[in-house]
Amino acid sequence: MATHQPPPPPASENLQEDELIQEVGDDISSLPTAEGWLSHYQGFWIPTQRMHGVIATQKYFQAHENDILLATTPKVGTTWFKAILFALVNRVRYLNPQQHPLLTNNPHALLPYLEGELFMNKNEVPDLTHLTSPRLFATHLSYLSLPKSVKDSTCKIVSLCRNPKDTFVSLWHFENKVSALFGTKVPDTIEESFDNFCRGVSLYGPFWDHVLSYWKESLEKPQKVFFLKYEEMKEQPTTHLKRLAEFWGVHFHQKRRKKEE
């Protein structure tokens, strides 16, 4: 039976540049800010420079029924897991390991961020019709802030979380590197940054609100949201790869599985 596909997003040539910039810009300018580079939006702290992409994603992204979305907070092993997801979903497509795209591409290029890359252009809505199915995307948005088309479709969501202590330490080093490159403001000491993290004022934080938004959905809609811990994946990769494959309705061939094990 054919599944209903939502209408395509408006073509970029039919959307006036000034209209898109003003429409999104008006929403951003009224948001509360912190640290000089974070904006408070729908209960979460998002980099102000990413806000155009966030709002444009919510307004214009149209999910397909077989899309796969990786949802994480920053610094929980996202790059590593992007490579795992791409390899798993395309394990039959690229049988020659010497021609595998992961050998020549950064995982971020293979699972682009919706709000951080695809919808960041202030002058147009991206044309995603050329992407092969299943389409793979990533996001740092909480479940509450996902586009309505994602929530209403049967597309799959994989959510990865990590021990908050390790997440914080990785985030601390990352934000200091970003500060050196782009001049963004960060607390002078790790103690101040830790206090902000605990209060929820951190990149895409509050951390626990973000994690729980996906965990709760995974309990209510296990056929749609797959919730996984970074530590569990490292300890038992084979077990959780099988679970992921079953989540997508793709089962490892018994003979091939024995060889892989």
C-alpha atoms as a PDB file:
ATOM      1  CA  MET A   1       0.000   0.000   0.000  1.00  0.00           C
ATOM      2  CA  ALA A   2       1.428   3.375  -0.968  1.00  0.00           C
ATOM      3  CA  THR A   3       2.237   5.687   1.928  1.00  0.00           C
ATOM      4  CA  HIS A   4       1.123   9.288   1.928  1.00  0.00           C
ATOM      5  CA  GLN A   5       3.992  11.683   1.328  1.00  0.00           C
ATOM      6  CA  PRO A   6       3.750  15.262   2.632  1.00  0.00           C
ATOM      7  CA  PRO A   7       3.860  18.071   0.059  1.00  0.00           C
ATOM      8  CA  PRO A   8       7.342  19.252  -0.930  1.00  0.00           C
ATOM      9  CA  PRO A   9       8.745  22.425   0.635  1.00  0.00           C
ATOM     10  CA  PRO A  10       8.315  25.655  -1.316  1.00  0.00           C
ATOM     11  CA  ALA A  11      10.830  25.959  -4.142  1.00  0.00           C
ATOM     12  CA  SER A  12      13.587  28.435  -3.422  1.00  0.00           C
ATOM     13  CA  GLU A  13      12.865  30.394  -6.594  1.00  0.00           C
ATOM     14  CA  ASN A  14       9.297  31.015  -5.385  1.00  0.00           C
ATOM     15  CA  LEU A  15      10.413  32.325  -2.014  1.00  0.00           C
ATOM     16  CA  GLN A  16      11.559  35.933  -1.935  1.00  0.00           C
ATOM     17  CA  GLU A  17      14.917  36.410  -0.193  1.00  0.00           C
ATOM     18  CA  ASP A  18      13.716  39.358   1.889  1.00  0.00           C
ATOM     19  CA  GLU A  19      10.586  37.435   2.899  1.00  0.00           C
ATOM     20  CA  LEU A  20      12.541  34.489   4.349  1.00  0.00           C
ATOM     21  CA  ILE A  21      15.129  36.661   6.086  1.00  0.00           C
ATOM     22  CA  GLN A  22      12.523  38.948   7.654  1.00  0.00           C
ATOM     23  CA  GLU A  23      10.160  36.129   8.632  1.00  0.00           C
ATOM     24  CA  VAL A  24      12.828  34.240  10.547  1.00  0.00           C
ATOM     25  CA  GLY A  25      14.748  37.303  11.708  1.00  0.00           C
ATOM     26  CA  ASP A  26      11.704  38.777  13.439  1.00  0.00           C
ATOM     27  CA  ASP A  27      11.299  35.584  15.481  1.00  0.00           C
ATOM     28  CA  ILE A  28      14.955  35.546  16.556  1.00  0.00           C
ATOM     29  CA  SER A  29      15.303  39.179  17.597  1.00  0.00           C
ATOM     30  CA  SER A  30      12.764  38.831  20.416  1.00  0.00           C
ATOM     31  CA  LEU A  31      14.434  35.840  22.130  1.00  0.00           C
ATOM     32  CA  PRO A  32      16.167  36.025  25.556  1.00  0.00           C
ATOM     33  CA  THR A  33      19.948  35.561  25.356  1.00  0.00           C
ATOM     34  CA  ALA A  34      22.781  34.348  27.596  1.00  0.00           C
ATOM     35  CA  GLU A  35      26.578  34.470  27.440  1.00  0.00           C
ATOM     36  CA  GLY A  36      26.301  36.700  24.388  1.00  0.00           C
ATOM     37  CA  TRP A  37      25.849  33.779  21.964  1.00  0.00           C
ATOM     38  CA  LEU A  38      22.981  31.592  23.213  1.00  0.00           C
ATOM     39  CA  SER A  39      19.286  32.224  22.545  1.00  0.00           C
ATOM     40  CA  HIS A  40      16.493  30.738  24.646  1.00  0.00           C
ATOM     41  CA  TYR A  41      13.956  29.095  22.347  1.00  0.00           C
ATOM     42  CA  GLN A  42      11.169  26.674  23.245  1.00  0.00           C
ATOM     43  CA  GLY A  43      12.825  25.930  26.583  1.00  0.00           C
ATOM     44  CA  PHE A  44      16.379  25.311  25.289  1.00  0.00           C
ATOM     45  CA  TRP A  45      19.591  27.310  24.811  1.00  0.00           C
ATOM     46  CA  ILE A  46      20.596  27.333  21.152  1.00  0.00           C
ATOM     47  CA  PRO A  47      23.524  29.168  19.502  1.00  0.00           C
ATOM     48  CA  THR A  48      22.116  32.426  18.165  1.00  0.00           C
ATOM     49  CA  GLN A  49      23.936  31.934  14.866  1.00  0.00           C
ATOM     50  CA  ARG A  50      22.019  28.655  14.420  1.00  0.00           C
ATOM     51  CA  MET A  51      18.601  30.110  15.163  1.00  0.00           C
ATOM     52  CA  HIS A  52      17.816  30.911  11.541  1.00  0.00           C
ATOM     53  CA  GLY A  53      18.444  27.272  10.677  1.00  0.00           C
ATOM     54  CA  VAL A  54      16.300  26.070  13.583  1.00  0.00           C
ATOM     55  CA  ILE A  55      13.255  28.140  12.692  1.00  0.00           C
ATOM     56  CA  ALA A  56      13.632  27.527   8.948  1.00  0.00           C
ATOM     57  CA  THR A  57      13.849  23.776   9.624  1.00  0.00           C
ATOM     58  CA  GLN A  58      10.650  23.869  11.655  1.00  0.00           C
ATOM     59  CA  LYS A  59       8.836  25.881   9.002  1.00  0.00           C
ATOM     60  CA  TYR A  60       9.994  24.193   5.816  1.00  0.00           C
ATOM     61  CA  PHE A  61      11.434  20.703   6.376  1.00  0.00           C
ATOM     62  CA  GLN A  62       9.112  17.990   5.111  1.00  0.00           C
ATOM     63  CA  ALA A  63       9.932  14.519   6.446  1.00  0.00           C
ATOM     64  CA  HIS A  64       9.535  11.443   4.264  1.00  0.00           C
ATOM     65  CA  GLU A  65       8.095   8.267   5.691  1.00  0.00           C
ATOM     66  CA  ASN A  66      11.416   6.387   5.481  1.00  0.00           C
ATOM     67  CA  ASP A  67      13.753   9.164   6.653  1.00  0.00           C
ATOM     68  CA  ILE A  68      16.183   8.364   9.471  1.00  0.00           C
ATOM     69  CA  LEU A  69      17.071  11.118  11.952  1.00  0.00           C
ATOM     70  CA  LEU A  70      19.924  10.977  14.466  1.00  0.00           C
ATOM     71  CA  ALA A  71      19.142  13.197  17.469  1.00  0.00           C
ATOM     72  CA  THR A  72      21.806  14.051  20.053  1.00  0.00           C
ATOM     73  CA  THR A  73      22.995  16.712  22.419  1.00  0.00           C
ATOM     74  CA  PRO A  74      26.466  17.972  21.443  1.00  0.00           C
ATOM     75  CA  LYS A  75      29.582  15.994  22.423  1.00  0.00           C
ATOM     76  CA  VAL A  76      28.019  12.597  23.108  1.00  0.00           C
ATOM     77  CA  GLY A  77      29.820  10.686  20.365  1.00  0.00           C
ATOM     78  CA  THR A  78      27.751  12.072  17.499  1.00  0.00           C
ATOM     79  CA  THR A  79      30.478  11.896  14.830  1.00  0.00           C
ATOM     80  CA  TRP A  80      31.310   8.300  15.744  1.00  0.00           C
ATOM     81  CA  PHE A  81      27.663   7.292  15.688  1.00  0.00           C
ATOM     82  CA  LYS A  82      27.014   9.052  12.376  1.00  0.00           C
ATOM     83  CA  ALA A  83      29.621   6.777  10.816  1.00  0.00           C
ATOM     84  CA  ILE A  84      28.003   3.722  12.429  1.00  0.00           C
ATOM     85  CA  LEU A  85      24.522   4.629  11.191  1.00  0.00           C
ATOM     86  CA  PHE A  86      25.675   5.360   7.663  1.00  0.00           C
ATOM     87  CA  ALA A  87      27.607   2.095   7.471  1.00  0.00           C
ATOM     88  CA  LEU A  88      24.692   0.103   8.882  1.00  0.00           C
ATOM     89  CA  VAL A  89      21.997   1.599   6.670  1.00  0.00           C
ATOM     90  CA  ASN A  90      24.182   1.261   3.557  1.00  0.00           C
ATOM     91  CA  ARG A  91      25.833  -2.070   4.390  1.00  0.00           C
ATOM     92  CA  VAL A  92      24.398  -3.752   1.273  1.00  0.00           C
ATOM     93  CA  ARG A  93      24.831  -0.772  -1.017  1.00  0.00           C
ATOM     94  CA  TYR A  94      28.617  -0.507  -0.619  1.00  0.00           C
ATOM     95  CA  LEU A  95      29.894  -4.076  -0.717  1.00  0.00           C
ATOM     96  CA  ASN A  96      33.388  -3.075  -1.824  1.00  0.00           C
ATOM     97  CA  PRO A  97      35.061  -1.677   1.316  1.00  0.00           C
ATOM     98  CA  GLN A  98      37.669   0.154  -0.751  1.00  0.00           C
ATOM     99  CA  GLN A  99      34.930   2.277  -2.345  1.00  0.00           C
ATOM    100  CA  HIS A 100      33.035   3.054   0.833  1.00  0.00           C
ATOM    101  CA  PRO A 101      32.152   6.774   1.207  1.00  0.00           C
ATOM    102  CA  LEU A 102      33.409   6.817   4.802  1.00  0.00           C
ATOM    103  CA  LEU A 103      36.956   6.436   3.478  1.00  0.00           C
ATOM    104  CA  THR A 104      36.793   9.801   1.721  1.00  0.00           C
ATOM    105  CA  ASN A 105      34.057  11.722   3.569  1.00  0.00           C
ATOM    106  CA  ASN A 106      33.665  13.112   7.039  1.00  0.00           C
ATOM    107  CA  PRO A 107      30.606  11.516   8.711  1.00  0.00           C
ATOM    108  CA  HIS A 108      29.112  15.000   9.084  1.00  0.00           C
ATOM    109  CA  ALA A 109      28.915  15.264   5.297  1.00  0.00           C
ATOM    110  CA  LEU A 110      27.017  11.971   5.072  1.00  0.00           C
ATOM    111  CA  LEU A 111      24.513  12.828   7.832  1.00  0.00           C
ATOM    112  CA  PRO A 112      24.160  16.620   7.596  1.00  0.00           C
ATOM    113  CA  TYR A 113      22.565  18.651  10.371  1.00  0.00           C
ATOM    114  CA  LEU A 114      19.140  19.967   9.459  1.00  0.00           C
ATOM    115  CA  GLU A 115      19.355  23.189  11.433  1.00  0.00           C
ATOM    116  CA  GLY A 116      23.135  23.504  11.411  1.00  0.00           C
ATOM    117  CA  GLU A 117      23.835  23.024   7.707  1.00  0.00           C
ATOM    118  CA  LEU A 118      20.932  22.351   5.353  1.00  0.00           C
ATOM    119  CA  PHE A 119      18.628  25.161   6.472  1.00  0.00           C
ATOM    120  CA  MET A 120      21.276  27.719   7.462  1.00  0.00           C
ATOM    121  CA  ASN A 121      21.149  29.608   4.143  1.00  0.00           C
ATOM    122  CA  LYS A 122      19.209  32.791   4.801  1.00  0.00           C
ATOM    123  CA  ASN A 123      18.279  33.256   1.151  1.00  0.00           C
ATOM    124  CA  GLU A 124      16.602  30.004   0.206  1.00  0.00           C
ATOM    125  CA  VAL A 125      15.007  26.760   1.277  1.00  0.00           C
ATOM    126  CA  PRO A 126      17.248  23.811   0.292  1.00  0.00           C
ATOM    127  CA  ASP A 127      16.224  21.383  -2.425  1.00  0.00           C
ATOM    128  CA  LEU A 128      16.461  17.889  -0.912  1.00  0.00           C
ATOM    129  CA  THR A 129      14.795  16.015  -3.763  1.00  0.00           C
ATOM    130  CA  HIS A 130      18.134  14.710  -5.089  1.00  0.00           C
ATOM    131  CA  LEU A 131      18.904  12.743  -1.907  1.00  0.00           C
ATOM    132  CA  THR A 132      18.612   8.973  -2.159  1.00  0.00           C
ATOM    133  CA  SER A 133      16.239   7.015   0.069  1.00  0.00           C
ATOM    134  CA  PRO A 134      16.426   6.415   2.946  1.00  0.00           C
ATOM    135  CA  ARG A 135      17.533   9.973   3.644  1.00  0.00           C
ATOM    136  CA  LEU A 136      19.829  10.377   6.652  1.00  0.00           C
ATOM    137  CA  PHE A 137      19.841  13.566   8.737  1.00  0.00           C
ATOM    138  CA  ALA A 138      21.101  14.708  12.125  1.00  0.00           C
ATOM    139  CA  THR A 139      19.868  17.272  14.623  1.00  0.00           C
ATOM    140  CA  HIS A 140      20.719  18.696  18.041  1.00  0.00           C
ATOM    141  CA  LEU A 141      17.133  19.798  18.623  1.00  0.00           C
ATOM    142  CA  SER A 142      15.062  18.302  21.429  1.00  0.00           C
ATOM    143  CA  TYR A 143      12.065  16.199  20.486  1.00  0.00           C
ATOM    144  CA  LEU A 144       9.818  19.089  21.510  1.00  0.00           C
ATOM    145  CA  SER A 145      11.416  21.341  18.870  1.00  0.00           C
ATOM    146  CA  LEU A 146      11.398  18.913  15.944  1.00  0.00           C
ATOM    147  CA  PRO A 147       9.414  19.921  12.834  1.00  0.00           C
ATOM    148  CA  LYS A 148       5.781  18.848  12.904  1.00  0.00           C
ATOM    149  CA  SER A 149       6.335  16.783   9.754  1.00  0.00           C
ATOM    150  CA  VAL A 150       8.862  14.626  11.631  1.00  0.00           C
ATOM    151  CA  LYS A 151       6.483  13.972  14.518  1.00  0.00           C
ATOM    152  CA  ASP A 152       3.528  13.250  12.241  1.00  0.00           C
ATOM    153  CA  SER A 153       5.339  10.924   9.820  1.00  0.00           C
ATOM    154  CA  THR A 154       6.548   7.361  10.317  1.00  0.00           C
ATOM    155  CA  CYS A 155      10.194   8.352   9.868  1.00  0.00           C
ATOM    156  CA  LYS A 156      12.581   6.804  12.388  1.00  0.00           C
ATOM    157  CA  ILE A 157      14.503   8.663  15.097  1.00  0.00           C
ATOM    158  CA  VAL A 158      17.632   7.352  16.810  1.00  0.00           C
ATOM    159  CA  SER A 159      18.586   9.212  19.980  1.00  0.00           C
ATOM    160  CA  LEU A 160      22.048   8.825  21.517  1.00  0.00           C
ATOM    161  CA  CYS A 161      22.894  10.047  25.021  1.00  0.00           C
ATOM    162  CA  ARG A 162      26.026   9.897  27.148  1.00  0.00           C
ATOM    163  CA  ASN A 163      27.067  10.104  30.804  1.00  0.00           C
ATOM    164  CA  PRO A 164      26.537  13.809  31.694  1.00  0.00           C
ATOM    165  CA  LYS A 165      29.946  14.079  33.390  1.00  0.00           C
ATOM    166  CA  ASP A 166      31.776  12.964  30.261  1.00  0.00           C
ATOM    167  CA  THR A 167      29.480  15.085  28.119  1.00  0.00           C
ATOM    168  CA  PHE A 168      30.262  18.175  30.164  1.00  0.00           C
ATOM    169  CA  VAL A 169      34.042  17.687  30.037  1.00  0.00           C
ATOM    170  CA  SER A 170      33.973  17.172  26.263  1.00  0.00           C
ATOM    171  CA  LEU A 171      31.680  20.183  25.886  1.00  0.00           C
ATOM    172  CA  TRP A 172      34.013  22.341  27.983  1.00  0.00           C
ATOM    173  CA  HIS A 173      36.979  21.611  25.717  1.00  0.00           C
ATOM    174  CA  PHE A 174      34.867  22.050  22.583  1.00  0.00           C
ATOM    175  CA  GLU A 175      33.475  25.424  23.625  1.00  0.00           C
ATOM    176  CA  ASN A 176      36.961  26.704  24.416  1.00  0.00           C
ATOM    177  CA  LYS A 177      38.164  25.687  20.949  1.00  0.00           C
ATOM    178  CA  VAL A 178      35.165  27.398  19.351  1.00  0.00           C
ATOM    179  CA  SER A 179      35.789  30.492  21.464  1.00  0.00           C
ATOM    180  CA  ALA A 180      39.384  30.693  20.231  1.00  0.00           C
ATOM    181  CA  LEU A 181      38.281  30.349  16.606  1.00  0.00           C
ATOM    182  CA  PHE A 182      35.187  32.559  16.532  1.00  0.00           C
ATOM    183  CA  GLY A 183      35.542  34.813  19.557  1.00  0.00           C
ATOM    184  CA  THR A 184      32.458  33.552  21.390  1.00  0.00           C
ATOM    185  CA  LYS A 185      32.297  34.112  25.130  1.00  0.00           C
ATOM    186  CA  VAL A 186      32.790  31.218  27.559  1.00  0.00           C
ATOM    187  CA  PRO A 187      33.119  31.259  31.373  1.00  0.00           C
ATOM    188  CA  ASP A 188      36.612  31.969  32.668  1.00  0.00           C
ATOM    189  CA  THR A 189      36.805  28.768  34.729  1.00  0.00           C
ATOM    190  CA  ILE A 190      35.564  25.205  34.410  1.00  0.00           C
ATOM    191  CA  GLU A 191      33.737  25.682  37.728  1.00  0.00           C
ATOM    192  CA  GLU A 192      31.643  28.512  36.253  1.00  0.00           C
ATOM    193  CA  SER A 193      30.920  26.462  33.166  1.00  0.00           C
ATOM    194  CA  PHE A 194      29.902  23.497  35.330  1.00  0.00           C
ATOM    195  CA  ASP A 195      27.536  25.701  37.303  1.00  0.00           C
ATOM    196  CA  ASN A 196      25.938  26.880  34.038  1.00  0.00           C
ATOM    197  CA  PHE A 197      25.630  23.277  32.831  1.00  0.00           C
ATOM    198  CA  CYS A 198      23.867  22.243  36.044  1.00  0.00           C
ATOM    199  CA  ARG A 199      21.481  25.213  35.690  1.00  0.00           C
ATOM    200  CA  GLY A 200      20.720  24.177  32.123  1.00  0.00           C
ATOM    201  CA  VAL A 201      22.508  27.100  30.445  1.00  0.00           C
ATOM    202  CA  SER A 202      24.600  25.072  28.016  1.00  0.00           C
ATOM    203  CA  LEU A 203      24.727  24.216  24.334  1.00  0.00           C
ATOM    204  CA  TYR A 204      21.224  22.895  23.474  1.00  0.00           C
ATOM    205  CA  GLY A 205      20.599  22.495  27.198  1.00  0.00           C
ATOM    206  CA  PRO A 206      19.143  21.848  29.693  1.00  0.00           C
ATOM    207  CA  PHE A 207      20.869  18.505  29.234  1.00  0.00           C
ATOM    208  CA  TRP A 208      18.350  16.371  31.134  1.00  0.00           C
ATOM    209  CA  ASP A 209      15.328  18.016  29.507  1.00  0.00           C
ATOM    210  CA  HIS A 210      16.798  17.243  26.093  1.00  0.00           C
ATOM    211  CA  VAL A 211      17.607  13.616  26.929  1.00  0.00           C
ATOM    212  CA  LEU A 212      14.274  12.966  28.628  1.00  0.00           C
ATOM    213  CA  SER A 213      12.311  14.370  25.691  1.00  0.00           C
ATOM    214  CA  TYR A 214      13.543  11.459  23.551  1.00  0.00           C
ATOM    215  CA  TRP A 215      13.568   8.859  26.308  1.00  0.00           C
ATOM    216  CA  LYS A 216       9.884   9.461  27.062  1.00  0.00           C
ATOM    217  CA  GLU A 217       8.986   9.254  23.372  1.00  0.00           C
ATOM    218  CA  SER A 218      10.941   5.998  23.046  1.00  0.00           C
ATOM    219  CA  LEU A 219       8.729   4.513  25.771  1.00  0.00           C
ATOM    220  CA  GLU A 220       5.495   5.771  24.221  1.00  0.00           C
ATOM    221  CA  LYS A 221       6.456   5.170  20.575  1.00  0.00           C
ATOM    222  CA  PRO A 222       9.135   2.445  20.487  1.00  0.00           C
ATOM    223  CA  GLN A 223       8.442   1.828  16.799  1.00  0.00           C
ATOM    224  CA  LYS A 224       9.437   5.444  16.040  1.00  0.00           C
ATOM    225  CA  VAL A 225      12.128   6.429  18.567  1.00  0.00           C
ATOM    226  CA  PHE A 226      15.142   4.248  19.416  1.00  0.00           C
ATOM    227  CA  PHE A 227      16.949   5.433  22.567  1.00  0.00           C
ATOM    228  CA  LEU A 228      20.541   4.324  23.085  1.00  0.00           C
ATOM    229  CA  LYS A 229      23.343   5.065  25.546  1.00  0.00           C
ATOM    230  CA  TYR A 230      26.875   5.741  24.311  1.00  0.00           C
ATOM    231  CA  GLU A 231      28.381   3.544  27.030  1.00  0.00           C
ATOM    232  CA  GLU A 232      26.140   0.582  26.163  1.00  0.00           C
ATOM    233  CA  MET A 233      27.062   0.856  22.501  1.00  0.00           C
ATOM    234  CA  LYS A 234      30.769   0.734  23.334  1.00  0.00           C
ATOM    235  CA  GLU A 235      30.362  -2.240  25.660  1.00  0.00           C
ATOM    236  CA  GLN A 236      28.132  -4.364  23.411  1.00  0.00           C
ATOM    237  CA  PRO A 237      28.340  -3.032  19.823  1.00  0.00           C
ATOM    238  CA  THR A 238      27.173  -6.259  18.146  1.00  0.00           C
ATOM    239  CA  THR A 239      24.074  -6.523  20.337  1.00  0.00           C
ATOM    240  CA  HIS A 240      22.995  -2.956  19.737  1.00  0.00           C
ATOM    241  CA  LEU A 241      23.761  -3.017  16.017  1.00  0.00           C
ATOM    242  CA  LYS A 242      21.357  -5.956  15.738  1.00  0.00           C
ATOM    243  CA  ARG A 243      18.757  -4.024  17.723  1.00  0.00           C
ATOM    244  CA  LEU A 244      19.183  -1.025  15.430  1.00  0.00           C
ATOM    245  CA  ALA A 245      18.803  -3.192  12.338  1.00  0.00           C
ATOM    246  CA  GLU A 246      15.618  -4.723  13.738  1.00  0.00           C
ATOM    247  CA  PHE A 247      14.323  -1.235  14.581  1.00  0.00           C
ATOM    248  CA  TRP A 248      14.547  -0.399  10.861  1.00  0.00           C
ATOM    249  CA  GLY A 249      13.080  -3.737   9.881  1.00  0.00           C
ATOM    250  CA  VAL A 250      16.381  -4.930   8.376  1.00  0.00           C
ATOM    251  CA  HIS A 251      17.657  -8.265   9.656  1.00  0.00           C
ATOM    252  CA  PHE A 252      21.187  -9.581   9.238  1.00  0.00           C
ATOM    253  CA  HIS A 253      21.384 -12.668   7.069  1.00  0.00           C
ATOM    254  CA  GLN A 254      22.147 -15.626   9.317  1.00  0.00           C
ATOM    255  CA  LYS A 255      25.195 -16.856   7.358  1.00  0.00           C
ATOM    256  CA  ARG A 256      26.632 -13.384   6.927  1.00  0.00           C
ATOM    257  CA  ARG A 257      25.975 -12.610  10.585  1.00  0.00           C
ATOM    258  CA  LYS A 258      28.006 -15.620  11.718  1.00  0.00           C
ATOM    259  CA  LYS A 259      30.937 -14.470   9.578  1.00  0.00           C
ATOM    260  CA  GLU A 260      30.690 -10.930  11.009  1.00  0.00           C
ATOM    261  CA  GLU A 261      30.650 -12.276  14.564  1.00  0.00           C
END
